[in-house]
Amino acid sequence: MGTVDSIVQYVQDHLRDGPVAIKEASEAGKIILGMYCTYMPWELIHAAGAIGAGLCAKSSKPIPAAEEHLPRNLCPLIKASYGHALLDTCPYFHFCHTVLAETTCDGKKKMYELLNRIKPVYTLQIPQRSDRPEDLEQLRREFYKIREYLKDLTGHSISEEDLRRAIALRNAERRALRSLWELSREEDPPLSGMELEYFSEYMQFFFDKETAVPWLEEQVRRIREAWEKGERRQGSRRPRILVTGCPLGGVTKVIEAVENAGGTVVCYENCGGQKEMGFLVDETKDPMEALAEKYLATGCSVMSPNRHRMESLEFLMEHYRVEGVVEVLLTACHTYAVEAHTVRERVQSRSKKYLLVETDYSESDREQLATRMDAFIEML
């Protein structure tokens, strides 16, 4: 087994470490806060001495239970999230004290009203624009409210020093992830797109960031060194694909379809990918102002207009020398569905090929996905 194979195998073997870690943290008296969205400022949670855990929304199994309360023609991410809470099948939800929610899409906002009956929900009010001074001021005020809420919840008053340390640590993680993603700029990337997704998931639930960051830095160094010494794993040259759109948890079948068809995913412009983690907090500014600036610039489709996403897509297409863009649209996600037209225009204006994939958490469309992806990759 080569160096990279062994590293990837280790990550795969430890992808399920998160539930045990969160149980142990809870038993040790740590405050656990559940989160559904990258707009929630991790730095404030860490500075308060708490742990922020992403909540499960990756399976179709809890959806029938959720549909007893929610409409069937609703986004599967929302239904799966609520279904896990109803059935108590998400360990992160089970151990969390409070859910930190946010006003992104309308479906999630209304679902949180029902979720509040199961566990306390604190809702962050997100501006729906990002290009005006008043938008920045609104988010900054909201972050101050969260800071006070966390103080009351944890009993820990967040000092400026606490916050600056948390910002520096999260930025270090972002830089380490950037160095991982930069491996995909090579003509024959050392990691497949599916393997990049394994790393992202592993890091998300590696809660001890003081240990996680140097660990990731070391693995990237080892992978880079093995590649430079001639270790190759993907064989013949493959068309380079960027994946954008809705969160990929629950629909990694799209990545599998791309790579089974002979393409390789070299970049993710999705939640959990470069949309948020690709951008740093300015460590030279007032920390609360810098946090508001950084998170407001997240290119989510709830923003109107969504300049940041379009600019990021153009940069990433060129930076990773992308030949095709696959946009993943979860059924009934209206904001991404409407914005897909603009994305298609931007992609095609740069002479790149574009494919829109609408899907859900079921397995029923795997064969159709394979057929469409075969045709797309062959066209490239």
Protein backbone atom coordinates (compact mmCIF):
# COMPACT_ATOMS: atom_id res chain seq x y z
CA MET A 1 0.00 0.00 0.00
CA GLY A 2 1.41 3.41 -1.03
CA THR A 3 1.76 6.41 1.25
CA VAL A 4 -1.39 8.13 -0.01
CA ASP A 5 -3.41 4.91 0.06
CA SER A 6 -2.52 4.39 3.71
CA ILE A 7 -3.47 7.97 4.63
CA VAL A 8 -6.81 7.69 2.82
CA GLN A 9 -7.48 4.33 4.48
CA TYR A 10 -6.81 5.85 7.90
CA VAL A 11 -9.31 8.66 7.21
CA GLN A 12 -11.96 6.19 6.01
CA ASP A 13 -11.40 4.00 9.07
CA HIS A 14 -11.92 6.97 11.41
CA LEU A 15 -14.84 8.73 9.73
CA ARG A 16 -17.15 7.46 12.49
CA ASP A 17 -15.04 8.69 15.42
CA GLY A 18 -17.18 11.80 15.85
CA PRO A 19 -20.12 10.29 17.80
CA VAL A 20 -17.79 8.73 20.38
CA ALA A 21 -15.83 11.99 20.72
CA ILE A 22 -18.99 14.05 21.24
CA LYS A 23 -20.34 11.58 23.81
CA GLU A 24 -17.08 11.73 25.75
CA ALA A 25 -17.03 15.54 25.57
CA SER A 26 -20.58 15.72 26.88
CA GLU A 27 -19.81 13.32 29.72
CA ALA A 28 -16.81 15.50 30.59
CA GLY A 29 -19.14 18.47 31.06
CA LYS A 30 -18.55 20.29 27.75
CA ILE A 31 -21.41 22.36 26.36
CA ILE A 32 -22.37 20.98 22.93
CA LEU A 33 -24.10 23.26 20.43
CA GLY A 34 -25.74 21.85 17.31
CA MET A 35 -25.46 23.79 14.04
CA TYR A 36 -26.97 23.37 10.58
CA CYS A 37 -25.23 26.10 8.61
CA THR A 38 -21.82 27.63 7.85
CA TYR A 39 -23.18 31.11 8.69
CA MET A 40 -22.96 30.21 12.37
CA PRO A 41 -19.62 31.66 13.65
CA TRP A 42 -17.54 28.72 14.91
CA GLU A 43 -15.06 31.17 16.44
CA LEU A 44 -17.57 32.53 18.96
CA ILE A 45 -18.57 29.02 20.03
CA HIS A 46 -14.96 27.93 20.52
CA ALA A 47 -14.08 31.16 22.35
CA ALA A 48 -16.93 30.44 24.78
CA GLY A 49 -15.38 27.07 25.62
CA ALA A 50 -18.14 25.10 23.87
CA ILE A 51 -18.11 22.63 20.96
CA GLY A 52 -20.03 23.26 17.76
CA ALA A 53 -21.25 20.10 16.03
CA GLY A 54 -22.82 19.84 12.59
CA LEU A 55 -26.15 18.04 12.79
CA CYS A 56 -26.91 14.98 10.68
CA ALA A 57 -28.90 15.45 7.48
CA LYS A 58 -27.47 12.80 5.18
CA SER A 59 -29.93 9.93 5.12
CA SER A 60 -33.34 9.21 3.64
CA LYS A 61 -34.23 6.90 6.56
CA PRO A 62 -35.74 9.54 8.89
CA ILE A 63 -37.67 11.32 6.12
CA PRO A 64 -40.93 9.27 6.43
CA ALA A 65 -41.14 10.25 10.11
CA ALA A 66 -40.52 13.90 9.24
CA GLU A 67 -43.27 13.82 6.60
CA GLU A 68 -45.82 13.17 9.33
CA HIS A 69 -45.27 16.83 10.29
CA LEU A 70 -43.69 18.39 7.19
CA PRO A 71 -44.91 18.55 3.57
CA ARG A 72 -43.58 15.91 1.20
CA ASN A 73 -42.57 18.50 -1.42
CA LEU A 74 -39.91 19.97 0.86
CA CYS A 75 -36.11 19.87 0.59
CA PRO A 76 -34.75 16.47 1.73
CA LEU A 77 -32.08 18.18 3.85
CA ILE A 78 -34.77 19.86 5.96
CA LYS A 79 -36.86 16.71 6.25
CA ALA A 80 -33.88 14.52 7.14
CA SER A 81 -32.68 17.06 9.74
CA TYR A 82 -36.07 17.16 11.43
CA GLY A 83 -36.58 13.40 11.12
CA HIS A 84 -33.28 12.68 12.87
CA ALA A 85 -34.39 14.95 15.72
CA LEU A 86 -37.79 13.27 15.99
CA LEU A 87 -36.33 9.78 16.02
CA ASP A 88 -33.26 10.72 18.12
CA THR A 89 -30.99 9.04 15.56
CA CYS A 90 -28.37 11.80 15.35
CA PRO A 91 -25.76 11.53 18.15
CA TYR A 92 -24.78 15.18 17.74
CA PHE A 93 -28.39 16.30 18.20
CA HIS A 94 -28.82 13.90 21.11
CA PHE A 95 -25.91 15.36 23.07
CA CYS A 96 -26.32 19.03 22.15
CA HIS A 97 -27.72 21.45 24.72
CA THR A 98 -29.07 23.93 22.21
CA VAL A 99 -29.46 24.22 18.44
CA LEU A 100 -27.96 27.35 16.93
CA ALA A 101 -30.13 27.96 13.88
CA GLU A 102 -30.16 30.65 11.19
CA THR A 103 -32.66 32.32 8.88
CA THR A 104 -31.37 31.13 5.53
CA CYS A 105 -34.18 29.43 3.59
CA ASP A 106 -37.87 29.73 4.51
CA GLY A 107 -38.30 25.96 4.88
CA LYS A 108 -35.61 25.75 7.55
CA LYS A 109 -37.00 28.77 9.41
CA LYS A 110 -40.41 27.14 9.76
CA MET A 111 -38.93 23.73 10.58
CA TYR A 112 -37.03 25.33 13.48
CA GLU A 113 -40.36 26.28 15.07
CA LEU A 114 -41.20 22.57 15.32
CA LEU A 115 -37.66 21.63 16.30
CA ASN A 116 -37.91 24.03 19.25
CA ARG A 117 -40.49 21.69 20.77
CA ILE A 118 -37.81 18.98 20.99
CA LYS A 119 -34.76 21.02 21.98
CA PRO A 120 -34.12 24.75 22.59
CA VAL A 121 -33.37 26.65 19.36
CA TYR A 122 -31.57 29.99 19.14
CA THR A 123 -32.03 31.65 15.75
CA LEU A 124 -29.46 33.91 14.12
CA GLN A 125 -31.11 36.50 11.85
CA ILE A 126 -29.13 36.58 8.59
CA PRO A 127 -29.38 39.60 6.26
CA GLN A 128 -30.64 38.69 2.81
CA ARG A 129 -28.19 41.05 1.12
CA SER A 130 -24.45 41.48 1.58
CA ASP A 131 -23.53 44.62 -0.36
CA ARG A 132 -24.71 47.43 1.93
CA PRO A 133 -23.23 48.90 5.14
CA GLU A 134 -26.50 48.22 6.96
CA ASP A 135 -26.21 44.48 6.13
CA LEU A 136 -22.81 44.31 7.79
CA GLU A 137 -24.10 46.25 10.79
CA GLN A 138 -27.08 43.91 11.14
CA LEU A 139 -24.90 40.80 11.17
CA ARG A 140 -22.42 42.40 13.56
CA ARG A 141 -25.29 43.12 16.00
CA GLU A 142 -26.51 39.55 15.64
CA PHE A 143 -23.04 38.23 16.46
CA TYR A 144 -22.94 40.39 19.61
CA LYS A 145 -26.30 38.86 20.63
CA ILE A 146 -24.90 35.35 20.11
CA ARG A 147 -21.85 36.31 22.16
CA GLU A 148 -24.08 37.31 25.07
CA TYR A 149 -26.25 34.21 24.64
CA LEU A 150 -23.16 31.99 24.76
CA LYS A 151 -21.95 33.79 27.87
CA ASP A 152 -25.25 33.07 29.63
CA LEU A 153 -25.28 29.46 28.41
CA THR A 154 -21.68 28.55 29.27
CA GLY A 155 -20.97 30.95 32.12
CA HIS A 156 -17.84 32.03 30.25
CA SER A 157 -17.42 35.68 29.28
CA ILE A 158 -15.67 35.82 25.90
CA SER A 159 -12.68 38.15 26.07
CA GLU A 160 -11.08 39.75 23.02
CA GLU A 161 -8.05 37.52 23.59
CA ASP A 162 -10.29 34.41 23.62
CA LEU A 163 -11.84 35.50 20.35
CA ARG A 164 -8.56 36.34 18.64
CA ARG A 165 -7.16 32.92 19.58
CA ALA A 166 -10.25 31.21 18.20
CA ILE A 167 -10.04 33.19 14.96
CA ALA A 168 -6.36 32.30 14.55
CA LEU A 169 -7.09 28.60 15.15
CA ARG A 170 -9.97 28.47 12.66
CA ASN A 171 -7.89 30.36 10.10
CA ALA A 172 -5.12 27.80 10.60
CA GLU A 173 -7.63 25.04 9.83
CA ARG A 174 -8.79 26.92 6.73
CA ARG A 175 -5.19 27.27 5.54
CA ALA A 176 -4.57 23.57 6.11
CA LEU A 177 -7.67 22.71 4.09
CA ARG A 178 -6.55 25.10 1.37
CA SER A 179 -3.23 23.27 1.16
CA LEU A 180 -5.18 20.01 0.82
CA TRP A 181 -7.36 21.44 -1.96
CA GLU A 182 -4.31 22.87 -3.72
CA LEU A 183 -3.16 19.30 -4.37
CA SER A 184 -5.96 19.12 -6.95
CA ARG A 185 -4.31 21.79 -9.07
CA GLU A 186 -1.85 19.16 -10.26
CA GLU A 187 -2.46 17.65 -13.68
CA ASP A 188 -2.77 14.21 -12.09
CA PRO A 189 -4.20 14.96 -8.61
CA PRO A 190 -3.03 12.65 -5.82
CA LEU A 191 -6.55 12.47 -4.35
CA SER A 192 -9.87 11.78 -6.03
CA GLY A 193 -12.85 14.03 -5.41
CA MET A 194 -14.44 11.36 -3.24
CA GLU A 195 -11.30 11.19 -1.13
CA LEU A 196 -11.30 14.97 -0.71
CA GLU A 197 -14.85 14.63 0.60
CA TYR A 198 -13.67 12.02 3.13
CA PHE A 199 -11.06 14.48 4.43
CA SER A 200 -13.64 17.28 4.71
CA GLU A 201 -16.03 15.10 6.69
CA TYR A 202 -13.25 13.80 8.93
CA MET A 203 -12.07 17.33 9.74
CA GLN A 204 -15.61 18.53 10.41
CA PHE A 205 -15.98 16.03 13.25
CA PHE A 206 -12.37 16.16 14.50
CA PHE A 207 -13.38 18.48 17.33
CA ASP A 208 -9.96 18.95 18.94
CA LYS A 209 -8.74 21.52 16.43
CA GLU A 210 -5.44 22.08 18.24
CA THR A 211 -4.64 18.47 17.33
CA ALA A 212 -6.58 18.31 14.04
CA VAL A 213 -4.81 21.20 12.30
CA PRO A 214 -1.19 19.95 12.67
CA TRP A 215 -2.41 16.43 11.83
CA LEU A 216 -3.88 17.66 8.52
CA GLU A 217 -0.80 19.76 7.76
CA GLU A 218 1.38 16.67 8.20
CA GLN A 219 -0.82 14.49 5.98
CA VAL A 220 -0.80 17.10 3.21
CA ARG A 221 3.00 17.29 3.47
CA ARG A 222 3.27 13.51 3.18
CA ILE A 223 0.85 13.36 0.23
CA ARG A 224 2.70 16.15 -1.57
CA GLU A 225 6.05 14.47 -0.96
CA ALA A 226 4.77 11.12 -2.27
CA TRP A 227 3.37 12.80 -5.40
CA GLU A 228 6.65 14.64 -6.05
CA LYS A 229 8.50 11.32 -5.76
CA GLY A 230 6.32 9.88 -8.53
CA GLU A 231 3.46 8.16 -6.69
CA ARG A 232 0.47 8.24 -9.06
CA ARG A 233 -2.95 6.76 -8.33
CA GLN A 234 -5.55 7.94 -10.86
CA GLY A 235 -3.97 6.67 -14.07
CA SER A 236 -4.75 8.38 -17.38
CA ARG A 237 -5.73 12.03 -17.53
CA ARG A 238 -9.33 12.72 -16.50
CA PRO A 239 -11.60 15.71 -17.27
CA ARG A 240 -11.48 18.20 -14.39
CA ILE A 241 -14.83 18.92 -12.72
CA LEU A 242 -15.98 21.59 -10.26
CA VAL A 243 -19.05 20.74 -8.17
CA THR A 244 -21.28 23.56 -6.94
CA GLY A 245 -24.79 24.01 -5.55
CA CYS A 246 -26.53 22.54 -2.51
CA PRO A 247 -24.76 20.76 0.38
CA LEU A 248 -23.47 17.33 -0.67
CA GLY A 249 -24.21 15.38 2.52
CA GLY A 250 -26.57 12.62 1.44
CA VAL A 251 -25.87 12.98 -2.28
CA THR A 252 -22.25 11.85 -2.63
CA LYS A 253 -23.72 9.55 -5.30
CA VAL A 254 -23.20 12.53 -7.64
CA ILE A 255 -19.44 12.54 -6.94
CA GLU A 256 -19.35 8.78 -7.47
CA ALA A 257 -21.17 9.18 -10.79
CA VAL A 258 -18.68 11.81 -11.98
CA GLU A 259 -15.67 9.70 -11.11
CA ASN A 260 -17.14 6.38 -12.27
CA ALA A 261 -17.72 8.07 -15.63
CA GLY A 262 -14.03 8.97 -15.88
CA GLY A 263 -13.97 12.52 -14.52
CA THR A 264 -12.27 13.78 -11.39
CA VAL A 265 -13.71 16.37 -9.00
CA VAL A 266 -10.96 18.92 -8.32
CA CYS A 267 -12.98 21.56 -6.45
CA TYR A 268 -16.12 21.94 -4.33
CA GLU A 269 -17.93 25.27 -4.23
CA ASN A 270 -20.55 23.93 -1.81
CA CYS A 271 -21.29 24.38 1.87
CA GLY A 272 -18.42 22.66 3.68
CA GLY A 273 -16.10 23.27 0.73
CA GLN A 274 -14.60 26.51 -0.52
CA LYS A 275 -17.81 28.53 -0.06
CA GLU A 276 -16.98 29.25 3.57
CA MET A 277 -13.79 27.45 4.58
CA GLY A 278 -11.89 28.89 1.63
CA PHE A 279 -11.93 32.42 3.05
CA LEU A 280 -10.12 33.75 6.12
CA VAL A 281 -11.16 36.12 8.89
CA ASP A 282 -9.03 39.29 8.86
CA GLU A 283 -6.88 38.99 12.00
CA THR A 284 -5.75 42.64 11.85
CA LYS A 285 -9.21 44.13 12.49
CA ASP A 286 -11.55 44.35 15.43
CA PRO A 287 -12.54 40.66 15.80
CA MET A 288 -16.32 41.16 15.85
CA GLU A 289 -16.18 43.40 12.79
CA ALA A 290 -13.89 40.94 11.00
CA LEU A 291 -16.19 37.99 11.79
CA ALA A 292 -19.21 39.85 10.43
CA GLU A 293 -17.34 40.78 7.24
CA LYS A 294 -16.11 37.26 6.64
CA TYR A 295 -19.40 35.43 7.22
CA LEU A 296 -21.48 38.01 5.35
CA ALA A 297 -19.35 37.31 2.27
CA THR A 298 -20.43 33.63 2.23
CA GLY A 299 -21.89 33.09 -1.24
CA CYS A 300 -25.10 31.31 -0.29
CA SER A 301 -28.00 31.44 -2.74
CA VAL A 302 -30.20 33.07 -0.08
CA MET A 303 -28.29 36.30 -0.77
CA SER A 304 -29.83 38.55 -3.40
CA PRO A 305 -27.85 39.60 -5.32
CA ASN A 306 -25.23 36.90 -4.79
CA ARG A 307 -22.13 38.60 -6.16
CA HIS A 308 -19.73 36.67 -3.91
CA ARG A 309 -20.73 33.27 -5.28
CA MET A 310 -20.39 34.35 -8.90
CA GLU A 311 -16.96 35.89 -8.31
CA SER A 312 -15.82 32.80 -6.41
CA LEU A 313 -17.00 30.47 -9.17
CA GLU A 314 -15.09 32.44 -11.81
CA PHE A 315 -11.91 32.35 -9.72
CA LEU A 316 -12.17 28.65 -8.89
CA MET A 317 -12.85 27.63 -12.49
CA GLU A 318 -9.63 29.28 -13.58
CA HIS A 319 -7.56 28.38 -10.51
CA TYR A 320 -8.29 24.65 -10.85
CA ARG A 321 -8.33 24.69 -14.68
CA VAL A 322 -11.84 23.28 -14.69
CA GLU A 323 -13.35 21.87 -17.89
CA GLY A 324 -16.86 21.19 -16.64
CA VAL A 325 -19.16 22.31 -13.81
CA VAL A 326 -21.76 20.05 -12.21
CA GLU A 327 -24.38 21.86 -10.17
CA VAL A 328 -26.17 19.77 -7.53
CA LEU A 329 -29.72 20.87 -6.82
CA LEU A 330 -31.71 19.25 -4.02
CA THR A 331 -35.38 18.83 -4.88
CA ALA A 332 -37.48 21.84 -3.76
CA CYS A 333 -34.44 24.04 -2.95
CA HIS A 334 -35.91 27.13 -4.59
CA THR A 335 -33.07 29.60 -4.08
CA TYR A 336 -30.44 27.39 -5.70
CA ALA A 337 -32.95 26.34 -8.39
CA VAL A 338 -33.58 29.94 -9.47
CA GLU A 339 -29.90 30.89 -9.23
CA ALA A 340 -28.88 27.93 -11.41
CA HIS A 341 -29.76 29.95 -14.53
CA THR A 342 -27.24 32.65 -13.60
CA VAL A 343 -24.63 30.04 -12.72
CA ARG A 344 -25.10 28.36 -16.10
CA GLU A 345 -24.61 31.70 -17.85
CA ARG A 346 -21.41 32.45 -15.91
CA VAL A 347 -19.97 29.00 -16.54
CA GLN A 348 -20.75 28.98 -20.25
CA SER A 349 -19.45 32.53 -20.68
CA ARG A 350 -16.06 31.11 -19.63
CA SER A 351 -16.33 28.39 -22.30
CA LYS A 352 -16.86 25.65 -19.69
CA LYS A 353 -19.46 22.88 -19.94
CA TYR A 354 -22.32 22.86 -17.42
CA LEU A 355 -24.62 20.12 -16.14
CA LEU A 356 -27.49 20.57 -13.66
CA VAL A 357 -28.35 17.54 -11.54
CA GLU A 358 -31.56 17.64 -9.51
CA THR A 359 -31.72 14.86 -6.94
CA ASP A 360 -32.67 13.84 -3.40
CA TYR A 361 -31.47 11.40 -0.74
CA SER A 362 -33.02 8.30 -2.32
CA GLU A 363 -31.10 5.73 -4.38
CA SER A 364 -33.71 5.57 -7.15
CA ASP A 365 -31.87 7.81 -9.63
CA ARG A 366 -28.41 6.20 -9.50
CA GLU A 367 -28.78 4.57 -12.91
CA GLN A 368 -30.08 7.77 -14.49
CA LEU A 369 -27.22 9.73 -12.89
CA ALA A 370 -24.69 7.29 -14.31
CA THR A 371 -26.14 7.61 -17.81
CA ARG A 372 -26.20 11.41 -17.75
CA MET A 373 -22.70 11.66 -16.30
CA ASP A 374 -21.27 9.24 -18.85
CA ALA A 375 -22.62 11.48 -21.62
CA PHE A 376 -21.33 14.66 -19.93
CA ILE A 377 -17.82 13.35 -19.37
CA GLU A 378 -17.69 11.91 -22.89
CA MET A 379 -18.62 15.35 -24.26
CA LEU A 380 -15.68 16.84 -22.37
